[in-house]
Amino acid sequence: MGKSTRRYSAKLKFQVVLEALRGEKTPGQIAKAYGIHPNTVGLWKHMLLERGPAIFDGASGRRDSEQRIADLEQLLGKKEVEIALLKNFLGRSA
């Protein structure tokens, strides 16, 4: 029988990490209060500290997203041309 993976909301994760950052309780106490594994508290805390600066870097993140969208649109255009050429080729050989 397999072990199912529990999913936690972003709000709960943030609340747990805030408690961990306050330092008033140990990770074990926080984990017990929320019914999670103590290692999970540390993992979530590490994730927030690692990715936290990106929250305040909105302009750069937006530029990255816009560039990614432009690249994908260009790729999509190329694929549409390839499909049209293949359809044209198959139509002539049939």
C-alpha atoms as a PDB file:
ATOM      1  CA  MET A   1       0.000   0.000   0.000  1.00  0.00           C
ATOM      2  CA  GLY A   2       1.547   3.321  -1.127  1.00  0.00           C
ATOM      3  CA  LYS A   3       1.994   6.394   0.965  1.00  0.00           C
ATOM      4  CA  SER A   4      -0.040   9.368  -0.276  1.00  0.00           C
ATOM      5  CA  THR A   5       1.591  12.780  -0.548  1.00  0.00           C
ATOM      6  CA  ARG A   6      -0.139  15.512   1.418  1.00  0.00           C
ATOM      7  CA  ARG A   7      -0.482  18.923  -0.145  1.00  0.00           C
ATOM      8  CA  TYR A   8      -0.342  22.063   1.936  1.00  0.00           C
ATOM      9  CA  SER A   9      -1.597  25.497   0.992  1.00  0.00           C
ATOM     10  CA  ALA A  10       0.827  28.328   0.378  1.00  0.00           C
ATOM     11  CA  LYS A  11      -0.812  30.228   3.229  1.00  0.00           C
ATOM     12  CA  LEU A  12      -0.105  27.411   5.707  1.00  0.00           C
ATOM     13  CA  LYS A  13       3.490  27.071   4.521  1.00  0.00           C
ATOM     14  CA  PHE A  14       4.041  30.804   4.913  1.00  0.00           C
ATOM     15  CA  GLN A  15       2.521  30.769   8.403  1.00  0.00           C
ATOM     16  CA  VAL A  16       4.788  27.875   9.430  1.00  0.00           C
ATOM     17  CA  VAL A  17       7.875  29.634   8.060  1.00  0.00           C
ATOM     18  CA  LEU A  18       6.999  32.881   9.833  1.00  0.00           C
ATOM     19  CA  GLU A  19       6.796  31.009  13.123  1.00  0.00           C
ATOM     20  CA  ALA A  20      10.119  29.348  12.409  1.00  0.00           C
ATOM     21  CA  LEU A  21      11.753  32.698  11.613  1.00  0.00           C
ATOM     22  CA  ARG A  22      10.476  34.241  14.832  1.00  0.00           C
ATOM     23  CA  GLY A  23      12.494  31.650  16.714  1.00  0.00           C
ATOM     24  CA  GLU A  24      10.065  31.437  19.638  1.00  0.00           C
ATOM     25  CA  LYS A  25       9.482  27.707  19.079  1.00  0.00           C
ATOM     26  CA  THR A  26      11.654  24.855  17.908  1.00  0.00           C
ATOM     27  CA  PRO A  27      10.971  23.291  14.514  1.00  0.00           C
ATOM     28  CA  GLY A  28       9.726  20.213  16.376  1.00  0.00           C
ATOM     29  CA  GLN A  29       7.164  22.246  18.303  1.00  0.00           C
ATOM     30  CA  ILE A  30       5.988  24.013  15.168  1.00  0.00           C
ATOM     31  CA  ALA A  31       5.760  20.715  13.288  1.00  0.00           C
ATOM     32  CA  LYS A  32       3.717  19.122  16.061  1.00  0.00           C
ATOM     33  CA  ALA A  33       1.321  22.081  16.156  1.00  0.00           C
ATOM     34  CA  TYR A  34       0.656  21.838  12.415  1.00  0.00           C
ATOM     35  CA  GLY A  35       0.861  18.072  12.028  1.00  0.00           C
ATOM     36  CA  ILE A  36       3.853  18.087   9.706  1.00  0.00           C
ATOM     37  CA  HIS A  37       7.336  16.576   9.830  1.00  0.00           C
ATOM     38  CA  PRO A  38      10.042  18.737  11.488  1.00  0.00           C
ATOM     39  CA  ASN A  39      12.247  18.415   8.393  1.00  0.00           C
ATOM     40  CA  THR A  40       9.447  19.995   6.375  1.00  0.00           C
ATOM     41  CA  VAL A  41       9.637  23.131   8.522  1.00  0.00           C
ATOM     42  CA  GLY A  42      13.319  23.493   7.708  1.00  0.00           C
ATOM     43  CA  LEU A  43      12.753  22.769   4.033  1.00  0.00           C
ATOM     44  CA  TRP A  44      10.044  25.408   3.696  1.00  0.00           C
ATOM     45  CA  LYS A  45      12.159  27.928   5.606  1.00  0.00           C
ATOM     46  CA  HIS A  46      15.116  27.262   3.316  1.00  0.00           C
ATOM     47  CA  MET A  47      12.900  27.628   0.224  1.00  0.00           C
ATOM     48  CA  LEU A  48      11.594  31.009   1.389  1.00  0.00           C
ATOM     49  CA  LEU A  49      15.032  32.318   2.251  1.00  0.00           C
ATOM     50  CA  GLU A  50      16.414  31.106  -1.078  1.00  0.00           C
ATOM     51  CA  ARG A  51      13.602  32.434  -3.277  1.00  0.00           C
ATOM     52  CA  GLY A  52      12.590  35.414  -1.144  1.00  0.00           C
ATOM     53  CA  PRO A  53      14.510  38.080  -3.075  1.00  0.00           C
ATOM     54  CA  ALA A  54      12.543  37.215  -6.228  1.00  0.00           C
ATOM     55  CA  ILE A  55       9.380  38.449  -4.515  1.00  0.00           C
ATOM     56  CA  PHE A  56      10.734  41.993  -4.512  1.00  0.00           C
ATOM     57  CA  ASP A  57      12.259  41.779  -7.980  1.00  0.00           C
ATOM     58  CA  GLY A  58       9.007  42.210  -9.881  1.00  0.00           C
ATOM     59  CA  ALA A  59      10.390  44.121 -12.861  1.00  0.00           C
ATOM     60  CA  SER A  60      13.088  41.569 -13.617  1.00  0.00           C
ATOM     61  CA  GLY A  61      10.690  38.678 -13.186  1.00  0.00           C
ATOM     62  CA  ARG A  62       8.241  40.327 -15.537  1.00  0.00           C
ATOM     63  CA  ARG A  63      10.935  40.863 -18.175  1.00  0.00           C
ATOM     64  CA  ASP A  64      11.951  37.211 -17.888  1.00  0.00           C
ATOM     65  CA  SER A  65       8.340  36.130 -18.354  1.00  0.00           C
ATOM     66  CA  GLU A  66       7.848  38.443 -21.320  1.00  0.00           C
ATOM     67  CA  GLN A  67      11.025  37.130 -22.958  1.00  0.00           C
ATOM     68  CA  ARG A  68       9.906  33.537 -22.357  1.00  0.00           C
ATOM     69  CA  ILE A  69       6.522  34.281 -23.940  1.00  0.00           C
ATOM     70  CA  ALA A  70       8.198  35.900 -26.955  1.00  0.00           C
ATOM     71  CA  ASP A  71      10.486  32.882 -27.394  1.00  0.00           C
ATOM     72  CA  LEU A  72       7.543  30.484 -27.190  1.00  0.00           C
ATOM     73  CA  GLU A  73       5.515  32.536 -29.681  1.00  0.00           C
ATOM     74  CA  GLN A  74       8.443  32.433 -32.102  1.00  0.00           C
ATOM     75  CA  LEU A  75       8.754  28.664 -31.676  1.00  0.00           C
ATOM     76  CA  LEU A  76       5.019  28.258 -32.216  1.00  0.00           C
ATOM     77  CA  GLY A  77       5.251  30.246 -35.459  1.00  0.00           C
ATOM     78  CA  LYS A  78       8.065  28.022 -36.709  1.00  0.00           C
ATOM     79  CA  LYS A  79       6.082  24.885 -35.897  1.00  0.00           C
ATOM     80  CA  GLU A  80       3.017  26.239 -37.717  1.00  0.00           C
ATOM     81  CA  VAL A  81       5.145  26.827 -40.818  1.00  0.00           C
ATOM     82  CA  GLU A  82       6.584  23.300 -40.571  1.00  0.00           C
ATOM     83  CA  ILE A  83       3.104  21.814 -40.264  1.00  0.00           C
ATOM     84  CA  ALA A  84       1.859  23.806 -43.271  1.00  0.00           C
ATOM     85  CA  LEU A  85       4.840  22.679 -45.367  1.00  0.00           C
ATOM     86  CA  LEU A  86       4.336  19.037 -44.361  1.00  0.00           C
ATOM     87  CA  LYS A  87       0.627  19.200 -45.169  1.00  0.00           C
ATOM     88  CA  ASN A  88       1.439  20.747 -48.532  1.00  0.00           C
ATOM     89  CA  PHE A  89       4.066  18.074 -49.240  1.00  0.00           C
ATOM     90  CA  LEU A  90       1.757  15.218 -48.211  1.00  0.00           C
ATOM     91  CA  GLY A  91      -1.073  16.648 -50.282  1.00  0.00           C
ATOM     92  CA  ARG A  92       1.068  16.592 -53.449  1.00  0.00           C
ATOM     93  CA  SER A  93       2.401  13.080 -52.943  1.00  0.00           C
ATOM     94  CA  ALA A  94      -0.972  11.520 -52.298  1.00  0.00           C
END
